Amino acid sequence: MIILTIVLHSWLLFSMAFFGGSKIAGAKHQVELFDSIKLPQWFRLITGYIQIVGCIGLIIGYWYPGIAAWTGILIGIMMLIAILSHFRVKHPFGKVMPAFLNILIAIAVVILYADELSHPFG
């Protein structure tokens, strides 16, 4: 179970680092994505920075699992907003899939570290 927890935790970390970094860097696909969901480009930057904050929380979460659980909640909320944004403009499920997969992993991280939510710093 510990290996599964570390794998899911790490997947979420690398996913947020990749997508957050590409948003901040202004990758073409991210700029086009935010145009297609009719959100301003400044919101892309805010989203990217929040994802990087999530990465920091997940890194700290290796030592303090409660922080990883709270970060999972943050990421889960972000992914829910992403899914709703895609549905609002009627994107096909293929475009929703990364957010859907990440919300499932974020939920799993929260569940796996649920015992630590009440005392995040040990």
PDB file of N, CA and C in Angstrom:
ATOM      1  N   MET A   1       0.816  -1.188   0.000  1.00  0.00           N
ATOM      2  CA  MET A   1       0.000   0.000   0.000  1.00  0.00           C
ATOM      3  C   MET A   1       0.866   1.260   0.000  1.00  0.00           C
ATOM      4  N   ILE A   2       2.010   1.188   0.663  1.00  0.00           N
ATOM      5  CA  ILE A   2       2.904   2.341   0.720  1.00  0.00           C
ATOM      6  C   ILE A   2       3.415   2.685  -0.678  1.00  0.00           C
ATOM      7  N   ILE A   3       3.743   1.672  -1.467  1.00  0.00           N
ATOM      8  CA  ILE A   3       4.239   1.920  -2.821  1.00  0.00           C
ATOM      9  C   ILE A   3       3.162   2.585  -3.663  1.00  0.00           C
ATOM     10  N   LEU A   4       1.929   2.103  -3.583  1.00  0.00           N
ATOM     11  CA  LEU A   4       0.823   2.712  -4.321  1.00  0.00           C
ATOM     12  C   LEU A   4       0.644   4.176  -3.915  1.00  0.00           C
ATOM     13  N   THR A   5       0.724   4.448  -2.638  1.00  0.00           N
ATOM     14  CA  THR A   5       0.581   5.824  -2.146  1.00  0.00           C
ATOM     15  C   THR A   5       1.670   6.716  -2.717  1.00  0.00           C
ATOM     16  N   ILE A   6       2.897   6.250  -2.701  1.00  0.00           N
ATOM     17  CA  ILE A   6       4.012   7.049  -3.221  1.00  0.00           C
ATOM     18  C   ILE A   6       3.878   7.249  -4.727  1.00  0.00           C
ATOM     19  N   VAL A   7       3.454   6.223  -5.437  1.00  0.00           N
ATOM     20  CA  VAL A   7       3.281   6.339  -6.894  1.00  0.00           C
ATOM     21  C   VAL A   7       2.200   7.368  -7.226  1.00  0.00           C
ATOM     22  N   LEU A   8       1.053   7.297  -6.562  1.00  0.00           N
ATOM     23  CA  LEU A   8      -0.027   8.253  -6.833  1.00  0.00           C
ATOM     24  C   LEU A   8       0.378   9.671  -6.428  1.00  0.00           C
ATOM     25  N   HIS A   9       1.004   9.800  -5.281  1.00  0.00           N
ATOM     26  CA  HIS A   9       1.490  11.087  -4.790  1.00  0.00           C
ATOM     27  C   HIS A   9       2.472  11.682  -5.809  1.00  0.00           C
ATOM     28  N   SER A  10       3.408  10.882  -6.284  1.00  0.00           N
ATOM     29  CA  SER A  10       4.414  11.348  -7.239  1.00  0.00           C
ATOM     30  C   SER A  10       3.791  11.675  -8.590  1.00  0.00           C
ATOM     31  N   TRP A  11       2.832  10.857  -9.030  1.00  0.00           N
ATOM     32  CA  TRP A  11       2.137  11.133 -10.301  1.00  0.00           C
ATOM     33  C   TRP A  11       1.489  12.513 -10.238  1.00  0.00           C
ATOM     34  N   LEU A  12       0.798  12.788  -9.155  1.00  0.00           N
ATOM     35  CA  LEU A  12       0.119  14.068  -8.996  1.00  0.00           C
ATOM     36  C   LEU A  12       1.141  15.207  -8.974  1.00  0.00           C
ATOM     37  N   LEU A  13       2.251  15.010  -8.297  1.00  0.00           N
ATOM     38  CA  LEU A  13       3.309  16.017  -8.243  1.00  0.00           C
ATOM     39  C   LEU A  13       3.840  16.325  -9.641  1.00  0.00           C
ATOM     40  N   PHE A  14       4.219  15.304 -10.382  1.00  0.00           N
ATOM     41  CA  PHE A  14       4.785  15.530 -11.711  1.00  0.00           C
ATOM     42  C   PHE A  14       3.748  16.085 -12.690  1.00  0.00           C
ATOM     43  N   SER A  15       2.520  15.664 -12.559  1.00  0.00           N
ATOM     44  CA  SER A  15       1.454  16.181 -13.415  1.00  0.00           C
ATOM     45  C   SER A  15       1.239  17.671 -13.172  1.00  0.00           C
ATOM     46  N   MET A  16       1.173  18.054 -11.901  1.00  0.00           N
ATOM     47  CA  MET A  16       0.980  19.478 -11.578  1.00  0.00           C
ATOM     48  C   MET A  16       2.196  20.301 -12.010  1.00  0.00           C
ATOM     49  N   ALA A  17       3.397  19.739 -11.867  1.00  0.00           N
ATOM     50  CA  ALA A  17       4.609  20.447 -12.291  1.00  0.00           C
ATOM     51  C   ALA A  17       4.597  20.655 -13.802  1.00  0.00           C
ATOM     52  N   PHE A  18       4.225  19.626 -14.549  1.00  0.00           N
ATOM     53  CA  PHE A  18       4.200  19.724 -16.006  1.00  0.00           C
ATOM     54  C   PHE A  18       3.142  20.728 -16.467  1.00  0.00           C
ATOM     55  N   PHE A  19       1.908  20.550 -15.995  1.00  0.00           N
ATOM     56  CA  PHE A  19       0.827  21.415 -16.466  1.00  0.00           C
ATOM     57  C   PHE A  19       0.967  22.835 -15.919  1.00  0.00           C
ATOM     58  N   GLY A  20       1.373  22.973 -14.678  1.00  0.00           N
ATOM     59  CA  GLY A  20       1.584  24.302 -14.109  1.00  0.00           C
ATOM     60  C   GLY A  20       2.721  25.030 -14.803  1.00  0.00           C
ATOM     61  N   GLY A  21       3.807  24.319 -15.019  1.00  0.00           N
ATOM     62  CA  GLY A  21       4.951  24.920 -15.707  1.00  0.00           C
ATOM     63  C   GLY A  21       4.622  25.329 -17.124  1.00  0.00           C
ATOM     64  N   SER A  22       3.873  24.500 -17.824  1.00  0.00           N
ATOM     65  CA  SER A  22       3.521  24.841 -19.214  1.00  0.00           C
ATOM     66  C   SER A  22       2.557  26.024 -19.266  1.00  0.00           C
ATOM     67  N   LYS A  23       1.713  26.163 -18.272  1.00  0.00           N
ATOM     68  CA  LYS A  23       0.820  27.333 -18.216  1.00  0.00           C
ATOM     69  C   LYS A  23       1.633  28.605 -17.987  1.00  0.00           C
ATOM     70  N   ILE A  24       2.541  28.565 -17.035  1.00  0.00           N
ATOM     71  CA  ILE A  24       3.359  29.743 -16.722  1.00  0.00           C
ATOM     72  C   ILE A  24       4.264  30.102 -17.904  1.00  0.00           C
ATOM     73  N   ALA A  25       4.819  29.092 -18.564  1.00  0.00           N
ATOM     74  CA  ALA A  25       5.715  29.329 -19.693  1.00  0.00           C
ATOM     75  C   ALA A  25       4.970  29.820 -20.930  1.00  0.00           C
ATOM     76  N   GLY A  26       3.657  29.718 -20.924  1.00  0.00           N
ATOM     77  CA  GLY A  26       2.875  30.173 -22.075  1.00  0.00           C
ATOM     78  C   GLY A  26       2.923  29.215 -23.246  1.00  0.00           C
ATOM     79  N   ALA A  27       2.974  27.918 -22.948  1.00  0.00           N
ATOM     80  CA  ALA A  27       2.988  26.916 -24.017  1.00  0.00           C
ATOM     81  C   ALA A  27       1.773  27.111 -24.925  1.00  0.00           C
ATOM     82  N   LYS A  28       2.012  26.936 -26.210  1.00  0.00           N
ATOM     83  CA  LYS A  28       0.972  27.196 -27.208  1.00  0.00           C
ATOM     84  C   LYS A  28      -0.318  26.456 -26.903  1.00  0.00           C
ATOM     85  N   HIS A  29      -0.220  25.176 -26.541  1.00  0.00           N
ATOM     86  CA  HIS A  29      -1.434  24.395 -26.284  1.00  0.00           C
ATOM     87  C   HIS A  29      -2.201  24.926 -25.066  1.00  0.00           C
ATOM     88  N   GLN A  30      -1.492  25.476 -24.084  1.00  0.00           N
ATOM     89  CA  GLN A  30      -2.174  26.043 -22.914  1.00  0.00           C
ATOM     90  C   GLN A  30      -2.861  27.361 -23.265  1.00  0.00           C
ATOM     91  N   VAL A  31      -2.188  28.197 -24.049  1.00  0.00           N
ATOM     92  CA  VAL A  31      -2.793  29.459 -24.484  1.00  0.00           C
ATOM     93  C   VAL A  31      -4.059  29.168 -25.292  1.00  0.00           C
ATOM     94  N   GLU A  32      -3.961  28.218 -26.220  1.00  0.00           N
ATOM     95  CA  GLU A  32      -5.129  27.858 -27.041  1.00  0.00           C
ATOM     96  C   GLU A  32      -6.238  27.248 -26.187  1.00  0.00           C
ATOM     97  N   LEU A  33      -5.857  26.456 -25.190  1.00  0.00           N
ATOM     98  CA  LEU A  33      -6.851  25.850 -24.314  1.00  0.00           C
ATOM     99  C   LEU A  33      -7.651  26.923 -23.566  1.00  0.00           C
ATOM    100  N   PHE A  34      -6.964  27.894 -22.994  1.00  0.00           N
ATOM    101  CA  PHE A  34      -7.665  28.935 -22.250  1.00  0.00           C
ATOM    102  C   PHE A  34      -8.499  29.818 -23.171  1.00  0.00           C
ATOM    103  N   ASP A  35      -8.037  30.003 -24.412  1.00  0.00           N
ATOM    104  CA  ASP A  35      -8.874  30.715 -25.388  1.00  0.00           C
ATOM    105  C   ASP A  35     -10.138  29.910 -25.687  1.00  0.00           C
ATOM    106  N   SER A  36      -9.988  28.593 -25.830  1.00  0.00           N
ATOM    107  CA  SER A  36     -11.141  27.766 -26.191  1.00  0.00           C
ATOM    108  C   SER A  36     -12.160  27.628 -25.056  1.00  0.00           C
ATOM    109  N   ILE A  37     -11.697  27.729 -23.810  1.00  0.00           N
ATOM    110  CA  ILE A  37     -12.665  27.671 -22.702  1.00  0.00           C
ATOM    111  C   ILE A  37     -13.104  29.068 -22.265  1.00  0.00           C
ATOM    112  N   LYS A  38     -12.694  30.045 -23.070  1.00  0.00           N
ATOM    113  CA  LYS A  38     -13.148  31.428 -22.893  1.00  0.00           C
ATOM    114  C   LYS A  38     -12.778  32.005 -21.524  1.00  0.00           C
ATOM    115  N   LEU A  39     -11.529  31.746 -21.122  1.00  0.00           N
ATOM    116  CA  LEU A  39     -10.995  32.344 -19.898  1.00  0.00           C
ATOM    117  C   LEU A  39      -9.816  33.224 -20.267  1.00  0.00           C
ATOM    118  N   PRO A  40      -9.631  34.331 -19.561  1.00  0.00           N
ATOM    119  CA  PRO A  40      -8.529  35.241 -19.902  1.00  0.00           C
ATOM    120  C   PRO A  40      -7.165  34.612 -19.616  1.00  0.00           C
ATOM    121  N   GLN A  41      -6.166  35.102 -20.330  1.00  0.00           N
ATOM    122  CA  GLN A  41      -4.825  34.546 -20.191  1.00  0.00           C
ATOM    123  C   GLN A  41      -4.229  34.796 -18.804  1.00  0.00           C
ATOM    124  N   TRP A  42      -4.608  35.853 -18.125  1.00  0.00           N
ATOM    125  CA  TRP A  42      -4.095  36.062 -16.769  1.00  0.00           C
ATOM    126  C   TRP A  42      -4.558  34.943 -15.845  1.00  0.00           C
ATOM    127  N   PHE A  43      -5.742  34.366 -16.136  1.00  0.00           N
ATOM    128  CA  PHE A  43      -6.240  33.256 -15.332  1.00  0.00           C
ATOM    129  C   PHE A  43      -5.385  32.009 -15.555  1.00  0.00           C
ATOM    130  N   ARG A  44      -4.827  31.860 -16.755  1.00  0.00           N
ATOM    131  CA  ARG A  44      -3.910  30.754 -17.048  1.00  0.00           C
ATOM    132  C   ARG A  44      -2.686  30.866 -16.142  1.00  0.00           C
ATOM    133  N   LEU A  45      -2.154  32.078 -15.993  1.00  0.00           N
ATOM    134  CA  LEU A  45      -0.985  32.275 -15.138  1.00  0.00           C
ATOM    135  C   LEU A  45      -1.307  31.997 -13.674  1.00  0.00           C
ATOM    136  N   ILE A  46      -2.451  32.493 -13.209  1.00  0.00           N
ATOM    137  CA  ILE A  46      -2.857  32.247 -11.812  1.00  0.00           C
ATOM    138  C   ILE A  46      -2.995  30.746 -11.580  1.00  0.00           C
ATOM    139  N   THR A  47      -3.633  30.067 -12.530  1.00  0.00           N
ATOM    140  CA  THR A  47      -3.808  28.615 -12.418  1.00  0.00           C
ATOM    141  C   THR A  47      -2.453  27.910 -12.371  1.00  0.00           C
ATOM    142  N   GLY A  48      -1.534  28.330 -13.223  1.00  0.00           N
ATOM    143  CA  GLY A  48      -0.197  27.728 -13.235  1.00  0.00           C
ATOM    144  C   GLY A  48       0.531  27.915 -11.921  1.00  0.00           C
ATOM    145  N   TYR A  49       0.441  29.127 -11.358  1.00  0.00           N
ATOM    146  CA  TYR A  49       1.113  29.378 -10.075  1.00  0.00           C
ATOM    147  C   TYR A  49       0.471  28.574  -8.938  1.00  0.00           C
ATOM    148  N   ILE A  50      -0.840  28.432  -8.969  1.00  0.00           N
ATOM    149  CA  ILE A  50      -1.500  27.611  -7.944  1.00  0.00           C
ATOM    150  C   ILE A  50      -1.054  26.157  -8.074  1.00  0.00           C
ATOM    151  N   GLN A  51      -0.892  25.682  -9.304  1.00  0.00           N
ATOM    152  CA  GLN A  51      -0.417  24.315  -9.495  1.00  0.00           C
ATOM    153  C   GLN A  51       1.010  24.151  -8.972  1.00  0.00           C
ATOM    154  N   ILE A  52       1.845  25.160  -9.137  1.00  0.00           N
ATOM    155  CA  ILE A  52       3.210  25.079  -8.610  1.00  0.00           C
ATOM    156  C   ILE A  52       3.186  25.110  -7.081  1.00  0.00           C
ATOM    157  N   VAL A  53       2.296  25.905  -6.494  1.00  0.00           N
ATOM    158  CA  VAL A  53       2.125  25.879  -5.034  1.00  0.00           C
ATOM    159  C   VAL A  53       1.695  24.468  -4.608  1.00  0.00           C
ATOM    160  N   GLY A  54       0.817  23.841  -5.406  1.00  0.00           N
ATOM    161  CA  GLY A  54       0.428  22.459  -5.133  1.00  0.00           C
ATOM    162  C   GLY A  54       1.627  21.522  -5.169  1.00  0.00           C
ATOM    163  N   CYS A  55       2.539  21.751  -6.099  1.00  0.00           N
ATOM    164  CA  CYS A  55       3.757  20.934  -6.167  1.00  0.00           C
ATOM    165  C   CYS A  55       4.569  21.070  -4.891  1.00  0.00           C
ATOM    166  N   ILE A  56       4.699  22.299  -4.422  1.00  0.00           N
ATOM    167  CA  ILE A  56       5.450  22.530  -3.187  1.00  0.00           C
ATOM    168  C   ILE A  56       4.783  21.800  -2.022  1.00  0.00           C
ATOM    169  N   GLY A  57       3.449  21.880  -1.960  1.00  0.00           N
ATOM    170  CA  GLY A  57       2.714  21.169  -0.920  1.00  0.00           C
ATOM    171  C   GLY A  57       2.904  19.666  -1.008  1.00  0.00           C
ATOM    172  N   LEU A  58       2.930  19.144  -2.227  1.00  0.00           N
ATOM    173  CA  LEU A  58       3.119  17.697  -2.397  1.00  0.00           C
ATOM    174  C   LEU A  58       4.545  17.281  -2.029  1.00  0.00           C
ATOM    175  N   ILE A  59       5.521  18.122  -2.323  1.00  0.00           N
ATOM    176  CA  ILE A  59       6.904  17.809  -1.928  1.00  0.00           C
ATOM    177  C   ILE A  59       7.007  17.778  -0.406  1.00  0.00           C
ATOM    178  N   ILE A  60       6.460  18.797   0.254  1.00  0.00           N
ATOM    179  CA  ILE A  60       6.447  18.814   1.724  1.00  0.00           C
ATOM    180  C   ILE A  60       5.676  17.603   2.251  1.00  0.00           C
ATOM    181  N   GLY A  61       4.670  17.191   1.501  1.00  0.00           N
ATOM    182  CA  GLY A  61       3.832  16.059   1.902  1.00  0.00           C
ATOM    183  C   GLY A  61       4.544  14.723   1.987  1.00  0.00           C
ATOM    184  N   TYR A  62       5.723  14.612   1.383  1.00  0.00           N
ATOM    185  CA  TYR A  62       6.481  13.367   1.544  1.00  0.00           C
ATOM    186  C   TYR A  62       6.918  13.202   3.000  1.00  0.00           C
ATOM    187  N   TRP A  63       7.176  14.314   3.680  1.00  0.00           N
ATOM    188  CA  TRP A  63       7.582  14.271   5.089  1.00  0.00           C
ATOM    189  C   TRP A  63       6.401  14.483   6.038  1.00  0.00           C
ATOM    190  N   TYR A  64       5.432  15.256   5.580  1.00  0.00           N
ATOM    191  CA  TYR A  64       4.234  15.550   6.384  1.00  0.00           C
ATOM    192  C   TYR A  64       3.002  15.183   5.562  1.00  0.00           C
ATOM    193  N   PRO A  65       2.533  13.939   5.656  1.00  0.00           N
ATOM    194  CA  PRO A  65       1.429  13.472   4.824  1.00  0.00           C
ATOM    195  C   PRO A  65       0.148  14.301   4.948  1.00  0.00           C
ATOM    196  N   GLY A  66      -0.068  14.938   6.067  1.00  0.00           N
ATOM    197  CA  GLY A  66      -1.252  15.786   6.214  1.00  0.00           C
ATOM    198  C   GLY A  66      -1.244  16.942   5.232  1.00  0.00           C
ATOM    199  N   ILE A  67      -0.065  17.475   4.953  1.00  0.00           N
ATOM    200  CA  ILE A  67       0.061  18.549   3.960  1.00  0.00           C
ATOM    201  C   ILE A  67      -0.288  18.010   2.576  1.00  0.00           C
ATOM    202  N   ALA A  68       0.140  16.794   2.274  1.00  0.00           N
ATOM    203  CA  ALA A  68      -0.209  16.180   0.987  1.00  0.00           C
ATOM    204  C   ALA A  68      -1.721  16.005   0.873  1.00  0.00           C
ATOM    205  N   ALA A  69      -2.367  15.628   1.968  1.00  0.00           N
ATOM    206  CA  ALA A  69      -3.823  15.459   1.946  1.00  0.00           C
ATOM    207  C   ALA A  69      -4.520  16.791   1.676  1.00  0.00           C
ATOM    208  N   TRP A  70      -4.095  17.852   2.375  1.00  0.00           N
ATOM    209  CA  TRP A  70      -4.699  19.171   2.153  1.00  0.00           C
ATOM    210  C   TRP A  70      -4.399  19.681   0.750  1.00  0.00           C
ATOM    211  N   THR A  71      -3.197  19.400   0.244  1.00  0.00           N
ATOM    212  CA  THR A  71      -2.863  19.783  -1.120  1.00  0.00           C
ATOM    213  C   THR A  71      -3.714  19.001  -2.114  1.00  0.00           C
ATOM    214  N   GLY A  72      -3.995  17.748  -1.809  1.00  0.00           N
ATOM    215  CA  GLY A  72      -4.889  16.952  -2.658  1.00  0.00           C
ATOM    216  C   GLY A  72      -6.270  17.572  -2.744  1.00  0.00           C
ATOM    217  N   ILE A  73      -6.742  18.129  -1.640  1.00  0.00           N
ATOM    218  CA  ILE A  73      -8.041  18.816  -1.655  1.00  0.00           C
ATOM    219  C   ILE A  73      -7.970  20.045  -2.558  1.00  0.00           C
ATOM    220  N   LEU A  74      -6.894  20.830  -2.434  1.00  0.00           N
ATOM    221  CA  LEU A  74      -6.711  22.004  -3.289  1.00  0.00           C
ATOM    222  C   LEU A  74      -6.704  21.610  -4.761  1.00  0.00           C
ATOM    223  N   ILE A  75      -5.929  20.597  -5.095  1.00  0.00           N
ATOM    224  CA  ILE A  75      -5.826  20.156  -6.488  1.00  0.00           C
ATOM    225  C   ILE A  75      -7.163  19.586  -6.965  1.00  0.00           C
ATOM    226  N   GLY A  76      -7.839  18.857  -6.092  1.00  0.00           N
ATOM    227  CA  GLY A  76      -9.155  18.323  -6.456  1.00  0.00           C
ATOM    228  C   GLY A  76     -10.141  19.431  -6.801  1.00  0.00           C
ATOM    229  N   ILE A  77     -10.133  20.506  -6.023  1.00  0.00           N
ATOM    230  CA  ILE A  77     -11.015  21.646  -6.308  1.00  0.00           C
ATOM    231  C   ILE A  77     -10.635  22.280  -7.640  1.00  0.00           C
ATOM    232  N   MET A  78      -9.329  22.441  -7.872  1.00  0.00           N
ATOM    233  CA  MET A  78      -8.880  23.001  -9.157  1.00  0.00           C
ATOM    234  C   MET A  78      -9.317  22.133 -10.326  1.00  0.00           C
ATOM    235  N   MET A  79      -9.201  20.830 -10.180  1.00  0.00           N
ATOM    236  CA  MET A  79      -9.569  19.934 -11.274  1.00  0.00           C
ATOM    237  C   MET A  79     -11.084  19.908 -11.492  1.00  0.00           C
ATOM    238  N   LEU A  80     -11.844  20.047 -10.425  1.00  0.00           N
ATOM    239  CA  LEU A  80     -13.296  20.141 -10.570  1.00  0.00           C
ATOM    240  C   LEU A  80     -13.666  21.390 -11.364  1.00  0.00           C
ATOM    241  N   ILE A  81     -13.032  22.505 -11.054  1.00  0.00           N
ATOM    242  CA  ILE A  81     -13.271  23.741 -11.805  1.00  0.00           C
ATOM    243  C   ILE A  81     -12.858  23.564 -13.268  1.00  0.00           C
ATOM    244  N   ALA A  82     -11.733  22.877 -13.493  1.00  0.00           N
ATOM    245  CA  ALA A  82     -11.279  22.620 -14.872  1.00  0.00           C
ATOM    246  C   ALA A  82     -12.298  21.781 -15.633  1.00  0.00           C
ATOM    247  N   ILE A  83     -12.805  20.731 -14.995  1.00  0.00           N
ATOM    248  CA  ILE A  83     -13.792  19.869 -15.644  1.00  0.00           C
ATOM    249  C   ILE A  83     -15.048  20.665 -15.981  1.00  0.00           C
ATOM    250  N   LEU A  84     -15.526  21.456 -15.028  1.00  0.00           N
ATOM    251  CA  LEU A  84     -16.721  22.261 -15.268  1.00  0.00           C
ATOM    252  C   LEU A  84     -16.484  23.293 -16.375  1.00  0.00           C
ATOM    253  N   SER A  85     -15.278  23.844 -16.439  1.00  0.00           N
ATOM    254  CA  SER A  85     -14.951  24.798 -17.499  1.00  0.00           C
ATOM    255  C   SER A  85     -14.998  24.135 -18.869  1.00  0.00           C
ATOM    256  N   HIS A  86     -14.487  22.914 -18.956  1.00  0.00           N
ATOM    257  CA  HIS A  86     -14.540  22.174 -20.221  1.00  0.00           C
ATOM    258  C   HIS A  86     -15.984  21.841 -20.604  1.00  0.00           C
ATOM    259  N   PHE A  87     -16.762  21.394 -19.646  1.00  0.00           N
ATOM    260  CA  PHE A  87     -18.160  21.058 -19.929  1.00  0.00           C
ATOM    261  C   PHE A  87     -18.967  22.289 -20.337  1.00  0.00           C
ATOM    262  N   ARG A  88     -18.613  23.434 -19.751  1.00  0.00           N
ATOM    263  CA  ARG A  88     -19.334  24.675 -20.046  1.00  0.00           C
ATOM    264  C   ARG A  88     -19.257  25.018 -21.529  1.00  0.00           C
ATOM    265  N   VAL A  89     -18.113  24.727 -22.156  1.00  0.00           N
ATOM    266  CA  VAL A  89     -17.959  25.031 -23.586  1.00  0.00           C
ATOM    267  C   VAL A  89     -18.120  23.784 -24.458  1.00  0.00           C
ATOM    268  N   LYS A  90     -18.589  22.713 -23.835  1.00  0.00           N
ATOM    269  CA  LYS A  90     -18.903  21.464 -24.540  1.00  0.00           C
ATOM    270  C   LYS A  90     -17.700  20.829 -25.255  1.00  0.00           C
ATOM    271  N   HIS A  91     -16.578  20.800 -24.554  1.00  0.00           N
ATOM    272  CA  HIS A  91     -15.410  20.113 -25.098  1.00  0.00           C
ATOM    273  C   HIS A  91     -15.656  18.605 -25.105  1.00  0.00           C
ATOM    274  N   PRO A  92     -15.033  17.888 -26.040  1.00  0.00           N
ATOM    275  CA  PRO A  92     -15.137  16.428 -26.019  1.00  0.00           C
ATOM    276  C   PRO A  92     -14.412  15.862 -24.789  1.00  0.00           C
ATOM    277  N   PHE A  93     -14.778  14.649 -24.402  1.00  0.00           N
ATOM    278  CA  PHE A  93     -14.217  14.058 -23.194  1.00  0.00           C
ATOM    279  C   PHE A  93     -12.698  13.933 -23.266  1.00  0.00           C
ATOM    280  N   GLY A  94     -12.140  13.793 -24.463  1.00  0.00           N
ATOM    281  CA  GLY A  94     -10.692  13.685 -24.614  1.00  0.00           C
ATOM    282  C   GLY A  94      -9.954  14.892 -24.052  1.00  0.00           C
ATOM    283  N   LYS A  95     -10.541  16.073 -24.175  1.00  0.00           N
ATOM    284  CA  LYS A  95      -9.914  17.272 -23.626  1.00  0.00           C
ATOM    285  C   LYS A  95     -10.112  17.370 -22.120  1.00  0.00           C
ATOM    286  N   VAL A  96     -11.126  16.697 -21.600  1.00  0.00           N
ATOM    287  CA  VAL A  96     -11.424  16.714 -20.176  1.00  0.00           C
ATOM    288  C   VAL A  96     -10.610  15.653 -19.436  1.00  0.00           C
ATOM    289  N   MET A  97     -10.132  14.660 -20.166  1.00  0.00           N
ATOM    290  CA  MET A  97      -9.485  13.499 -19.566  1.00  0.00           C
ATOM    291  C   MET A  97      -8.328  13.826 -18.605  1.00  0.00           C
ATOM    292  N   PRO A  98      -7.385  14.738 -18.928  1.00  0.00           N
ATOM    293  CA  PRO A  98      -6.313  15.010 -17.953  1.00  0.00           C
ATOM    294  C   PRO A  98      -6.848  15.520 -16.611  1.00  0.00           C
ATOM    295  N   ALA A  99      -7.813  16.436 -16.658  1.00  0.00           N
ATOM    296  CA  ALA A  99      -8.378  16.954 -15.403  1.00  0.00           C
ATOM    297  C   ALA A  99      -9.136  15.851 -14.666  1.00  0.00           C
ATOM    298  N   PHE A 100      -9.847  15.011 -15.410  1.00  0.00           N
ATOM    299  CA  PHE A 100     -10.610  13.921 -14.796  1.00  0.00           C
ATOM    300  C   PHE A 100      -9.666  12.923 -14.122  1.00  0.00           C
ATOM    301  N   LEU A 101      -8.581  12.568 -14.794  1.00  0.00           N
ATOM    302  CA  LEU A 101      -7.612  11.636 -14.225  1.00  0.00           C
ATOM    303  C   LEU A 101      -6.954  12.240 -12.983  1.00  0.00           C
ATOM    304  N   ASN A 102      -6.599  13.516 -13.063  1.00  0.00           N
ATOM    305  CA  ASN A 102      -5.956  14.165 -11.917  1.00  0.00           C
ATOM    306  C   ASN A 102      -6.898  14.325 -10.730  1.00  0.00           C
ATOM    307  N   ILE A 103      -8.185  14.549 -10.974  1.00  0.00           N
ATOM    308  CA  ILE A 103      -9.106  14.639  -9.830  1.00  0.00           C
ATOM    309  C   ILE A 103      -9.239  13.275  -9.157  1.00  0.00           C
ATOM    310  N   LEU A 104      -9.249  12.205  -9.941  1.00  0.00           N
ATOM    311  CA  LEU A 104      -9.315  10.872  -9.347  1.00  0.00           C
ATOM    312  C   LEU A 104      -8.073  10.582  -8.499  1.00  0.00           C
ATOM    313  N   ILE A 105      -6.914  10.972  -9.008  1.00  0.00           N
ATOM    314  CA  ILE A 105      -5.679  10.743  -8.258  1.00  0.00           C
ATOM    315  C   ILE A 105      -5.637  11.628  -7.013  1.00  0.00           C
ATOM    316  N   ALA A 106      -6.094  12.871  -7.140  1.00  0.00           N
ATOM    317  CA  ALA A 106      -6.134  13.766  -5.978  1.00  0.00           C
ATOM    318  C   ALA A 106      -7.059  13.196  -4.901  1.00  0.00           C
ATOM    319  N   ILE A 107      -8.198  12.661  -5.309  1.00  0.00           N
ATOM    320  CA  ILE A 107      -9.126  12.041  -4.351  1.00  0.00           C
ATOM    321  C   ILE A 107      -8.444  10.851  -3.673  1.00  0.00           C
ATOM    322  N   ALA A 108      -7.732  10.052  -4.461  1.00  0.00           N
ATOM    323  CA  ALA A 108      -7.028   8.897  -3.887  1.00  0.00           C
ATOM    324  C   ALA A 108      -5.978   9.341  -2.874  1.00  0.00           C
ATOM    325  N   VAL A 109      -5.233  10.404  -3.190  1.00  0.00           N
ATOM    326  CA  VAL A 109      -4.217  10.918  -2.255  1.00  0.00           C
ATOM    327  C   VAL A 109      -4.883  11.378  -0.960  1.00  0.00           C
ATOM    328  N   VAL A 110      -5.990  12.081  -1.089  1.00  0.00           N
ATOM    329  CA  VAL A 110      -6.698  12.535   0.114  1.00  0.00           C
ATOM    330  C   VAL A 110      -7.170  11.341   0.941  1.00  0.00           C
ATOM    331  N   ILE A 111      -7.723  10.345   0.294  1.00  0.00           N
ATOM    332  CA  ILE A 111      -8.206   9.156   1.013  1.00  0.00           C
ATOM    333  C   ILE A 111      -7.040   8.420   1.686  1.00  0.00           C
ATOM    334  N   LEU A 112      -5.934   8.258   0.959  1.00  0.00           N
ATOM    335  CA  LEU A 112      -4.794   7.525   1.510  1.00  0.00           C
ATOM    336  C   LEU A 112      -4.158   8.237   2.696  1.00  0.00           C
ATOM    337  N   TYR A 113      -4.233   9.570   2.712  1.00  0.00           N
ATOM    338  CA  TYR A 113      -3.657  10.339   3.810  1.00  0.00           C
ATOM    339  C   TYR A 113      -4.732  10.929   4.730  1.00  0.00           C
ATOM    340  N   ALA A 114      -5.939  10.431   4.663  1.00  0.00           N
ATOM    341  CA  ALA A 114      -7.061  11.017   5.408  1.00  0.00           C
ATOM    342  C   ALA A 114      -6.806  11.071   6.910  1.00  0.00           C
ATOM    343  N   ASP A 115      -6.119  10.091   7.448  1.00  0.00           N
ATOM    344  CA  ASP A 115      -5.836  10.074   8.891  1.00  0.00           C
ATOM    345  C   ASP A 115      -4.982  11.254   9.345  1.00  0.00           C
ATOM    346  N   GLU A 116      -4.266  11.837   8.387  1.00  0.00           N
ATOM    347  CA  GLU A 116      -3.327  12.919   8.704  1.00  0.00           C
ATOM    348  C   GLU A 116      -3.942  14.310   8.541  1.00  0.00           C
ATOM    349  N   LEU A 117      -5.181  14.400   8.067  1.00  0.00           N
ATOM    350  CA  LEU A 117      -5.792  15.699   7.809  1.00  0.00           C
ATOM    351  C   LEU A 117      -5.909  16.577   9.059  1.00  0.00           C
ATOM    352  N   SER A 118      -6.182  15.962  10.196  1.00  0.00           N
ATOM    353  CA  SER A 118      -6.399  16.756  11.403  1.00  0.00           C
ATOM    354  C   SER A 118      -5.097  17.275  12.035  1.00  0.00           C
ATOM    355  N   HIS A 119      -3.968  16.711  11.664  1.00  0.00           N
ATOM    356  CA  HIS A 119      -2.682  17.191  12.184  1.00  0.00           C
ATOM    357  C   HIS A 119      -1.656  17.155  11.053  1.00  0.00           C
ATOM    358  N   PRO A 120      -1.711  18.166  10.170  1.00  0.00           N
ATOM    359  CA  PRO A 120      -0.883  18.140   8.961  1.00  0.00           C
ATOM    360  C   PRO A 120       0.630  18.189   9.199  1.00  0.00           C
ATOM    361  N   PHE A 121       1.069  18.715  10.324  1.00  0.00           N
ATOM    362  CA  PHE A 121       2.524  18.796  10.573  1.00  0.00           C
ATOM    363  C   PHE A 121       2.995  17.776  11.602  1.00  0.00           C
ATOM    364  N   GLY A 122       2.298  16.651  11.623  1.00  0.00           N
ATOM    365  CA  GLY A 122       2.748  15.561  12.478  1.00  0.00           C
ATOM    366  C   GLY A 122       2.249  15.585  13.831  1.00  0.00           C
TER     367      GLY A 122
END
